[in-house]
Structure formats: structure tokens, C-alpha cells
């Protein structure tokens, strides 16, 4: 009579090999997930900045992108969408009554530079007022970093152009 199925020893060997493969793959998967999270945060930040610039051009008036670090005293001024977020940033336009209209909100816990509150203002022709964040070379550098992965810097120039630079 022919043998059908697996023996217990064969099954144990297959399970041991599978466990070894999973043990080897786990660190690589963790790094992969950290890179994907950082890439998502960078893309969200670029999206808000690009949106603010295009709205400034479209509406022909300044649009401000405010950046608020964790535990900042202006937490009461933050949009409701990010009251519990570590770093929060939002695009807003000034209304006639003086009240700001929040247009788009983003949040992350990965901004490492600058460390303090700052803002960027995109003017009606698309150029940027970066005086609040300028590091004396005509551009504002916003660095995002994660655990055990290379940081990514977004450079905003006075011309309003954005550039993502992996360090």
C-alpha cells in the first residue's frame, strides 16, 4: 500500500525552515515599513506645499502654510484635525473679516528641522516668502527623518519651487 501524506518529521523540518526564513525577513520588513511611512509623510507635506502655491496663483492672493511643533503655545490656533498631532501644518488664506480659512491640513511626527514654529507664505505669483525659515542661502529646508533610515529634506526656494533631497 503506497504512503499518503507527510510524516511528522517532514512536517517539522518544513516548519523549522519556514521559521528561519521569517526570522531573516522580519528586520527587512521593518525597515521597509519605516521607509514607506517616511515616504508617505514626505508626500503629504509636498502635497500641502504644492496645493498652497497653486492656490496662491489661482486666487491671486497670499496663502500661508503654518507649521506648529508639538507642545507649542499656539495649540489653540491649530485646526481641529490636528489637535493631538505631534507636528501639524496647514494651508490657510486670510479672509476679509481677518479670520483665517484653513484649506488643507497635514500632520507628522517626523519633522526634525527646523525645531521651532515657522511659516511659509506663497505669494500671488507663486514665489515664497521664507523669511521665517530661511537658513541664509535663499531656501527653507524642512527635514523629515525616521528611525534607522536616511532623512529626507524638502527645500523650498524663494521662487516657490520645491525639491526633495534624500541626504
N, C-alpha and C. Protein backbone atom coordinates (compact mmCIF):
# COMPACT_ATOMS: atom_id res chain seq x y z
N UNK A 1 0.83 -1.17 0.00
CA UNK A 1 0.00 0.00 0.00
C UNK A 1 0.89 1.25 0.00
N UNK A 2 0.66 2.19 -0.95
CA UNK A 2 1.50 3.39 -1.03
C UNK A 2 1.23 4.34 0.15
N UNK A 3 2.28 5.08 0.52
CA UNK A 3 2.19 6.03 1.64
C UNK A 3 1.50 7.30 1.15
N UNK A 4 0.58 7.86 1.95
CA UNK A 4 -0.12 9.09 1.60
C UNK A 4 0.17 10.13 2.68
N UNK A 5 0.39 11.40 2.24
CA UNK A 5 0.60 12.48 3.20
C UNK A 5 2.06 12.63 3.61
N UNK A 6 2.26 13.40 4.68
CA UNK A 6 3.60 13.70 5.17
C UNK A 6 3.80 13.02 6.52
N UNK A 7 5.04 12.72 6.79
CA UNK A 7 5.36 12.21 8.12
C UNK A 7 5.54 13.39 9.06
N UNK A 8 5.51 13.12 10.32
CA UNK A 8 5.66 14.18 11.31
C UNK A 8 7.04 14.82 11.22
N UNK A 9 8.05 14.07 10.93
CA UNK A 9 9.41 14.60 10.81
C UNK A 9 9.50 15.54 9.61
N UNK A 10 8.92 15.17 8.48
CA UNK A 10 8.93 16.05 7.30
C UNK A 10 8.23 17.37 7.60
N UNK A 11 7.10 17.29 8.28
CA UNK A 11 6.35 18.50 8.63
C UNK A 11 7.15 19.39 9.58
N UNK A 12 7.84 18.82 10.55
CA UNK A 12 8.65 19.59 11.49
C UNK A 12 9.82 20.28 10.78
N UNK A 13 10.43 19.61 9.82
CA UNK A 13 11.54 20.21 9.07
C UNK A 13 11.05 21.39 8.24
N UNK A 14 9.91 21.25 7.59
CA UNK A 14 9.34 22.35 6.79
C UNK A 14 9.01 23.54 7.69
N UNK A 15 8.42 23.29 8.85
CA UNK A 15 8.10 24.38 9.78
C UNK A 15 9.36 25.07 10.29
N UNK A 16 10.42 24.32 10.55
CA UNK A 16 11.68 24.92 11.01
C UNK A 16 12.30 25.80 9.93
N UNK A 17 12.25 25.35 8.68
CA UNK A 17 12.78 26.15 7.57
C UNK A 17 11.95 27.42 7.40
N UNK A 18 10.63 27.30 7.49
CA UNK A 18 9.75 28.47 7.36
C UNK A 18 10.02 29.48 8.48
N UNK A 19 10.23 28.99 9.70
CA UNK A 19 10.52 29.89 10.82
C UNK A 19 11.84 30.62 10.62
N UNK A 20 12.84 29.93 10.10
CA UNK A 20 14.13 30.58 9.82
C UNK A 20 13.99 31.66 8.75
N UNK A 21 13.24 31.37 7.71
CA UNK A 21 13.03 32.38 6.65
C UNK A 21 12.29 33.60 7.19
N UNK A 22 11.30 33.38 8.03
CA UNK A 22 10.57 34.52 8.60
C UNK A 22 11.46 35.33 9.53
N UNK A 23 12.32 34.65 10.25
CA UNK A 23 13.25 35.33 11.15
C UNK A 23 14.21 36.22 10.38
N UNK A 24 14.63 35.78 9.21
CA UNK A 24 15.53 36.58 8.37
C UNK A 24 14.80 37.74 7.70
N UNK A 25 13.51 37.57 7.38
CA UNK A 25 12.77 38.59 6.65
C UNK A 25 12.23 39.69 7.56
N UNK A 26 12.05 39.45 8.84
CA UNK A 26 11.43 40.43 9.74
C UNK A 26 12.17 41.76 9.81
N UNK A 27 13.50 41.81 9.98
CA UNK A 27 14.18 43.11 10.02
C UNK A 27 14.05 43.89 8.71
N UNK A 28 14.14 43.20 7.60
CA UNK A 28 14.00 43.88 6.31
C UNK A 28 12.59 44.45 6.16
N UNK A 29 11.60 43.74 6.64
CA UNK A 29 10.23 44.22 6.54
C UNK A 29 10.02 45.44 7.42
N UNK A 30 10.62 45.46 8.60
CA UNK A 30 10.50 46.61 9.50
C UNK A 30 11.11 47.86 8.86
N UNK A 31 12.27 47.71 8.25
CA UNK A 31 12.91 48.84 7.55
C UNK A 31 12.06 49.29 6.38
N UNK A 32 11.51 48.35 5.65
CA UNK A 32 10.63 48.67 4.52
C UNK A 32 9.43 49.49 4.99
N UNK A 33 8.81 49.08 6.09
CA UNK A 33 7.64 49.80 6.60
C UNK A 33 8.03 51.21 7.07
N UNK A 34 9.19 51.36 7.70
CA UNK A 34 9.64 52.68 8.15
C UNK A 34 9.88 53.60 6.96
N UNK A 35 10.49 53.06 5.89
CA UNK A 35 10.71 53.86 4.68
C UNK A 35 9.39 54.28 4.04
N UNK A 36 8.43 53.37 4.01
CA UNK A 36 7.13 53.69 3.42
C UNK A 36 6.41 54.76 4.23
N UNK A 37 6.50 54.70 5.56
CA UNK A 37 5.87 55.71 6.41
C UNK A 37 6.50 57.07 6.19
N UNK A 38 7.83 57.12 6.12
CA UNK A 38 8.52 58.38 5.87
C UNK A 38 8.16 58.92 4.49
N UNK A 39 8.12 58.06 3.49
CA UNK A 39 7.75 58.49 2.13
C UNK A 39 6.33 59.05 2.11
N UNK A 40 5.42 58.44 2.85
CA UNK A 40 4.06 58.95 2.93
C UNK A 40 4.00 60.32 3.58
N UNK A 41 4.77 60.52 4.65
CA UNK A 41 4.81 61.83 5.32
C UNK A 41 5.41 62.90 4.41
N UNK A 42 6.47 62.55 3.68
CA UNK A 42 7.10 63.49 2.75
C UNK A 42 6.11 63.86 1.64
N UNK A 43 5.42 62.87 1.09
CA UNK A 43 4.45 63.14 0.03
C UNK A 43 3.30 64.01 0.51
N UNK A 44 2.85 63.79 1.74
CA UNK A 44 1.77 64.61 2.28
C UNK A 44 2.23 66.06 2.45
N UNK A 45 3.44 66.26 2.95
CA UNK A 45 3.98 67.61 3.11
C UNK A 45 4.14 68.29 1.75
N UNK A 46 4.68 67.58 0.78
CA UNK A 46 4.82 68.15 -0.56
C UNK A 46 3.45 68.50 -1.14
N UNK A 47 2.47 67.67 -0.88
CA UNK A 47 1.12 67.92 -1.39
C UNK A 47 0.55 69.22 -0.82
N UNK A 48 0.70 69.44 0.49
CA UNK A 48 0.18 70.66 1.10
C UNK A 48 0.92 71.88 0.57
N UNK A 49 2.24 71.80 0.44
CA UNK A 49 3.02 72.93 -0.07
C UNK A 49 2.67 73.24 -1.53
N UNK A 50 2.54 72.21 -2.36
CA UNK A 50 2.19 72.41 -3.76
C UNK A 50 0.78 72.97 -3.88
N UNK A 51 -0.14 72.47 -3.06
CA UNK A 51 -1.51 72.98 -3.06
C UNK A 51 -1.53 74.46 -2.70
N UNK A 52 -0.78 74.84 -1.65
CA UNK A 52 -0.76 76.24 -1.22
C UNK A 52 -0.22 77.14 -2.32
N UNK A 53 0.83 76.71 -2.99
CA UNK A 53 1.40 77.52 -4.07
C UNK A 53 0.42 77.66 -5.22
N UNK A 54 -0.22 76.57 -5.62
CA UNK A 54 -1.15 76.65 -6.75
C UNK A 54 -2.39 77.47 -6.39
N UNK A 55 -2.86 77.39 -5.14
CA UNK A 55 -3.99 78.22 -4.72
C UNK A 55 -3.62 79.70 -4.68
N UNK A 56 -2.40 80.01 -4.27
CA UNK A 56 -1.95 81.41 -4.26
C UNK A 56 -1.96 81.98 -5.68
N UNK A 57 -1.52 81.18 -6.63
CA UNK A 57 -1.51 81.63 -8.03
C UNK A 57 -2.94 81.75 -8.54
N UNK A 58 -3.76 80.75 -8.24
CA UNK A 58 -5.14 80.73 -8.74
C UNK A 58 -5.98 81.86 -8.14
N UNK A 59 -5.86 82.09 -6.83
CA UNK A 59 -6.67 83.11 -6.16
C UNK A 59 -6.05 84.50 -6.23
N UNK A 60 -4.80 84.57 -6.69
CA UNK A 60 -4.08 85.85 -6.80
C UNK A 60 -3.97 86.56 -5.46
N UNK A 61 -3.74 85.79 -4.39
CA UNK A 61 -3.51 86.36 -3.07
C UNK A 61 -2.66 85.40 -2.25
N UNK A 62 -1.99 85.90 -1.22
CA UNK A 62 -1.08 85.06 -0.43
C UNK A 62 -1.79 83.92 0.29
N UNK A 63 -1.12 82.78 0.31
CA UNK A 63 -1.57 81.61 1.07
C UNK A 63 -0.43 81.25 2.03
N UNK A 64 -0.75 81.11 3.29
CA UNK A 64 0.26 80.82 4.31
C UNK A 64 0.19 79.34 4.70
N UNK A 65 1.37 78.74 4.83
CA UNK A 65 1.46 77.38 5.38
C UNK A 65 2.12 77.52 6.75
N UNK A 66 1.34 77.24 7.79
CA UNK A 66 1.82 77.34 9.17
C UNK A 66 2.31 75.97 9.64
N UNK A 67 3.43 75.95 10.35
CA UNK A 67 3.98 74.73 10.93
C UNK A 67 4.00 74.89 12.43
N UNK A 68 3.38 73.97 13.14
CA UNK A 68 3.30 74.05 14.59
C UNK A 68 3.88 72.77 15.20
N UNK A 69 4.98 72.91 15.97
CA UNK A 69 5.59 71.73 16.60
C UNK A 69 4.76 71.23 17.78
N UNK A 70 5.11 70.07 18.30
CA UNK A 70 4.38 69.56 19.46
C UNK A 70 4.55 70.48 20.67
N UNK A 71 3.53 70.52 21.49
CA UNK A 71 3.55 71.30 22.74
C UNK A 71 3.80 72.79 22.51
N UNK A 72 3.38 73.29 21.38
CA UNK A 72 3.55 74.71 21.07
C UNK A 72 2.44 75.50 21.77
N UNK A 73 2.76 76.72 22.17
CA UNK A 73 1.79 77.55 22.88
C UNK A 73 0.61 77.96 22.00
N UNK A 74 0.77 77.89 20.69
CA UNK A 74 -0.33 78.29 19.81
C UNK A 74 -1.26 77.12 19.51
N UNK A 75 -1.24 76.09 20.36
CA UNK A 75 -2.05 74.89 20.10
C UNK A 75 -3.53 75.22 19.96
N UNK A 76 -3.99 76.28 20.60
CA UNK A 76 -5.40 76.65 20.47
C UNK A 76 -5.71 77.18 19.07
N UNK A 77 -4.68 77.60 18.34
CA UNK A 77 -4.86 78.13 16.99
C UNK A 77 -4.84 77.02 15.94
N UNK A 78 -4.42 75.84 16.33
CA UNK A 78 -4.35 74.72 15.39
C UNK A 78 -5.75 74.34 14.91
N UNK A 79 -5.84 73.85 13.68
CA UNK A 79 -7.13 73.31 13.23
C UNK A 79 -7.52 72.09 14.06
N UNK A 80 -8.81 71.82 14.15
CA UNK A 80 -9.27 70.70 14.96
C UNK A 80 -8.73 69.37 14.47
N UNK A 81 -8.44 69.26 13.20
CA UNK A 81 -7.98 68.00 12.62
C UNK A 81 -6.64 67.56 13.18
N UNK A 82 -5.92 68.46 13.83
CA UNK A 82 -4.58 68.06 14.30
C UNK A 82 -4.30 68.49 15.73
N UNK A 83 -5.29 68.54 16.56
CA UNK A 83 -5.05 68.93 17.95
C UNK A 83 -4.17 67.95 18.71
N UNK A 84 -4.21 66.67 18.35
CA UNK A 84 -3.41 65.67 19.05
C UNK A 84 -2.15 65.28 18.31
N UNK A 85 -1.89 65.90 17.17
CA UNK A 85 -0.74 65.52 16.35
C UNK A 85 0.54 66.13 16.89
N UNK A 86 1.67 65.43 16.74
CA UNK A 86 2.95 65.99 17.16
C UNK A 86 3.30 67.26 16.37
N UNK A 87 3.56 67.14 15.09
CA UNK A 87 3.77 68.29 14.22
C UNK A 87 2.53 68.43 13.37
N UNK A 88 2.06 69.65 13.23
CA UNK A 88 0.90 69.91 12.40
C UNK A 88 1.24 71.05 11.45
N UNK A 89 0.77 70.97 10.22
CA UNK A 89 0.95 72.06 9.27
C UNK A 89 -0.33 72.20 8.47
N UNK A 90 -0.64 73.43 8.10
CA UNK A 90 -1.88 73.68 7.38
C UNK A 90 -1.73 74.88 6.48
N UNK A 91 -2.46 74.83 5.36
CA UNK A 91 -2.51 75.94 4.41
C UNK A 91 -3.75 76.76 4.74
N UNK A 92 -3.57 78.07 4.82
CA UNK A 92 -4.70 78.94 5.13
C UNK A 92 -4.61 80.22 4.33
N UNK A 93 -5.78 80.79 4.07
CA UNK A 93 -5.83 82.09 3.40
C UNK A 93 -6.57 83.05 4.30
N UNK A 94 -6.13 84.29 4.31
CA UNK A 94 -6.77 85.31 5.14
C UNK A 94 -8.08 85.73 4.49
N UNK A 95 -9.12 85.82 5.28
CA UNK A 95 -10.42 86.27 4.79
C UNK A 95 -10.58 87.76 5.07
N UNK A 96 -11.63 88.35 4.52
CA UNK A 96 -11.86 89.78 4.69
C UNK A 96 -12.10 90.15 6.16
N UNK A 97 -12.73 89.28 6.92
CA UNK A 97 -13.02 89.56 8.33
C UNK A 97 -11.82 89.34 9.23
N UNK A 98 -10.69 88.94 8.68
CA UNK A 98 -9.50 88.71 9.48
C UNK A 98 -9.35 87.27 9.94
N UNK A 99 -10.41 86.49 9.87
CA UNK A 99 -10.35 85.08 10.27
C UNK A 99 -9.72 84.26 9.14
N UNK A 100 -8.84 83.35 9.50
CA UNK A 100 -8.15 82.54 8.50
C UNK A 100 -9.03 81.36 8.08
N UNK A 101 -9.00 81.06 6.80
CA UNK A 101 -9.73 79.93 6.24
C UNK A 101 -8.74 78.78 6.03
N UNK A 102 -8.85 77.73 6.84
CA UNK A 102 -7.96 76.58 6.71
C UNK A 102 -8.39 75.77 5.50
N UNK A 103 -7.44 75.55 4.58
CA UNK A 103 -7.77 74.90 3.32
C UNK A 103 -7.33 73.43 3.28
N UNK A 104 -6.19 73.12 3.86
CA UNK A 104 -5.68 71.75 3.85
C UNK A 104 -4.78 71.56 5.07
N UNK A 105 -4.85 70.37 5.67
CA UNK A 105 -4.12 70.09 6.91
C UNK A 105 -3.27 68.83 6.73
N UNK A 106 -2.09 68.83 7.32
CA UNK A 106 -1.24 67.65 7.34
C UNK A 106 -0.61 67.51 8.71
N UNK A 107 -0.17 66.31 9.02
CA UNK A 107 0.47 66.08 10.32
C UNK A 107 1.49 64.97 10.22
N UNK A 108 2.50 65.08 11.07
CA UNK A 108 3.56 64.07 11.12
C UNK A 108 4.28 64.20 12.45
N UNK A 109 5.04 63.19 12.79
CA UNK A 109 5.90 63.30 13.97
C UNK A 109 7.36 63.19 13.57
N UNK A 110 7.64 63.35 12.29
CA UNK A 110 8.97 63.10 11.77
C UNK A 110 9.77 64.35 11.40
N UNK A 111 9.23 65.56 11.57
CA UNK A 111 9.98 66.78 11.24
C UNK A 111 11.05 66.98 12.31
N UNK A 112 12.30 67.04 11.88
CA UNK A 112 13.41 67.23 12.83
C UNK A 112 14.09 68.58 12.66
N UNK A 113 13.88 69.24 11.54
CA UNK A 113 14.47 70.56 11.30
C UNK A 113 13.53 71.35 10.42
N UNK A 114 13.25 72.58 10.72
CA UNK A 114 13.55 73.37 11.91
C UNK A 114 12.84 72.81 13.13
N UNK A 115 13.31 73.22 14.29
CA UNK A 115 12.75 72.69 15.52
C UNK A 115 11.62 73.55 16.08
N UNK A 116 11.55 74.81 15.67
CA UNK A 116 10.57 75.74 16.21
C UNK A 116 9.46 76.00 15.20
N UNK A 117 8.43 76.70 15.69
CA UNK A 117 7.30 77.09 14.85
C UNK A 117 7.79 78.01 13.74
N UNK A 118 7.25 77.83 12.54
CA UNK A 118 7.58 78.70 11.42
C UNK A 118 6.45 78.69 10.41
N UNK A 119 6.54 79.58 9.44
CA UNK A 119 5.51 79.62 8.39
C UNK A 119 6.16 79.99 7.07
N UNK A 120 5.50 79.58 6.00
CA UNK A 120 5.89 79.95 4.64
C UNK A 120 4.70 80.65 4.01
N UNK A 121 4.95 81.69 3.24
CA UNK A 121 3.86 82.40 2.57
C UNK A 121 4.11 82.34 1.07
N UNK A 122 3.17 81.75 0.35
CA UNK A 122 3.25 81.72 -1.11
C UNK A 122 2.48 82.92 -1.64
N UNK A 123 3.17 83.75 -2.42
CA UNK A 123 2.58 84.99 -2.95
C UNK A 123 1.78 84.70 -4.22
N UNK A 124 1.13 85.73 -4.74
CA UNK A 124 0.20 85.56 -5.86
C UNK A 124 0.87 85.12 -7.16
N UNK A 125 2.17 85.33 -7.29
CA UNK A 125 2.86 84.89 -8.50
C UNK A 125 3.58 83.55 -8.30
N UNK A 126 3.39 82.94 -7.14
CA UNK A 126 3.99 81.63 -6.89
C UNK A 126 5.29 81.66 -6.13
N UNK A 127 5.87 82.86 -5.94
CA UNK A 127 7.12 82.91 -5.17
C UNK A 127 6.81 82.78 -3.68
N UNK A 128 7.83 82.45 -2.90
CA UNK A 128 7.62 82.15 -1.48
C UNK A 128 8.37 83.14 -0.59
N UNK A 129 7.70 83.60 0.44
CA UNK A 129 8.34 84.38 1.49
C UNK A 129 8.78 83.38 2.55
N UNK A 130 10.09 83.12 2.60
CA UNK A 130 10.62 82.11 3.51
C UNK A 130 11.42 82.74 4.65
N UNK A 131 11.19 84.03 4.90
CA UNK A 131 11.99 84.74 5.91
C UNK A 131 11.85 84.13 7.30
N UNK A 132 10.74 83.45 7.57
CA UNK A 132 10.52 82.84 8.87
C UNK A 132 11.32 81.55 9.05
N UNK A 133 11.84 81.02 7.94
CA UNK A 133 12.51 79.71 7.97
C UNK A 133 13.85 79.73 7.24
N UNK A 134 14.21 80.87 6.66
CA UNK A 134 15.40 80.96 5.81
C UNK A 134 16.67 80.62 6.58
N UNK A 135 17.51 79.81 5.96
CA UNK A 135 18.80 79.49 6.59
C UNK A 135 19.94 80.20 5.86
N UNK A 136 19.70 81.43 5.44
CA UNK A 136 20.69 82.34 4.85
C UNK A 136 21.22 81.92 3.49
N UNK A 137 20.59 80.98 2.83
CA UNK A 137 21.03 80.65 1.48
C UNK A 137 19.86 80.70 0.49
N UNK A 138 18.82 81.45 0.85
CA UNK A 138 17.70 81.65 -0.06
C UNK A 138 16.75 80.47 -0.16
N UNK A 139 16.77 79.60 0.81
CA UNK A 139 15.84 78.48 0.79
C UNK A 139 15.51 78.03 2.21
N UNK A 140 14.38 77.41 2.36
CA UNK A 140 13.94 76.85 3.63
C UNK A 140 14.08 75.34 3.53
N UNK A 141 14.77 74.75 4.48
CA UNK A 141 14.95 73.30 4.47
C UNK A 141 14.13 72.67 5.59
N UNK A 142 13.24 71.77 5.20
CA UNK A 142 12.40 71.04 6.14
C UNK A 142 12.85 69.58 6.08
N UNK A 143 13.40 69.08 7.17
CA UNK A 143 13.94 67.72 7.19
C UNK A 143 13.02 66.80 7.97
N UNK A 144 12.71 65.67 7.36
CA UNK A 144 11.94 64.62 8.00
C UNK A 144 12.83 63.40 8.13
N UNK A 145 12.78 62.75 9.28
CA UNK A 145 13.61 61.56 9.47
C UNK A 145 12.87 60.55 10.31
N UNK A 146 13.27 59.30 10.13
CA UNK A 146 12.68 58.20 10.89
C UNK A 146 13.77 57.39 11.55
N UNK A 147 13.39 56.38 12.26
CA UNK A 147 14.34 55.53 12.96
C UNK A 147 15.11 54.66 11.98
N UNK A 148 16.41 54.71 12.05
CA UNK A 148 17.32 53.82 11.30
C UNK A 148 17.17 53.93 9.78
N UNK A 149 16.66 55.06 9.28
CA UNK A 149 16.60 55.27 7.84
C UNK A 149 17.12 56.67 7.54
N UNK A 150 17.54 56.87 6.30
CA UNK A 150 18.11 58.15 5.91
C UNK A 150 17.04 59.24 5.90
N UNK A 151 17.37 60.45 6.39
CA UNK A 151 16.41 61.55 6.38
C UNK A 151 16.18 62.08 4.97
N UNK A 152 15.06 62.77 4.80
CA UNK A 152 14.72 63.40 3.53
C UNK A 152 14.48 64.88 3.82
N UNK A 153 15.03 65.75 2.97
CA UNK A 153 14.87 67.19 3.13
C UNK A 153 14.07 67.73 1.95
N UNK A 154 13.10 68.58 2.26
CA UNK A 154 12.37 69.31 1.23
C UNK A 154 12.87 70.74 1.27
N UNK A 155 13.37 71.21 0.15
CA UNK A 155 13.88 72.57 0.06
C UNK A 155 12.84 73.43 -0.67
N UNK A 156 12.46 74.52 -0.02
CA UNK A 156 11.55 75.49 -0.62
C UNK A 156 12.39 76.72 -0.92
N UNK A 157 12.47 77.07 -2.18
CA UNK A 157 13.27 78.23 -2.58
C UNK A 157 12.40 79.48 -2.62
N UNK A 158 13.05 80.63 -2.70
CA UNK A 158 12.32 81.90 -2.78
C UNK A 158 11.45 81.98 -4.02
N UNK A 159 11.80 81.23 -5.04
CA UNK A 159 10.99 81.20 -6.26
C UNK A 159 9.72 80.39 -6.08
N UNK A 160 9.60 79.69 -4.95
CA UNK A 160 8.43 78.86 -4.69
C UNK A 160 8.60 77.41 -5.11
N UNK A 161 9.73 77.10 -5.73
CA UNK A 161 9.93 75.72 -6.19
C UNK A 161 10.27 74.81 -5.01
N UNK A 162 9.85 73.57 -5.13
CA UNK A 162 10.09 72.56 -4.11
C UNK A 162 11.04 71.51 -4.67
N UNK A 163 11.91 71.02 -3.80
CA UNK A 163 12.83 69.97 -4.23
C UNK A 163 13.03 69.00 -3.08
N UNK A 164 12.83 67.73 -3.36
CA UNK A 164 13.04 66.69 -2.36
C UNK A 164 14.45 66.17 -2.51
N UNK A 165 15.21 66.18 -1.40
CA UNK A 165 16.61 65.78 -1.43
C UNK A 165 16.84 64.70 -0.39
N UNK A 166 17.09 63.46 -0.81
CA UNK A 166 17.50 62.47 0.18
C UNK A 166 18.93 62.75 0.59
N UNK A 167 19.21 62.74 1.86
CA UNK A 167 20.56 63.06 2.34
C UNK A 167 21.44 61.84 2.36
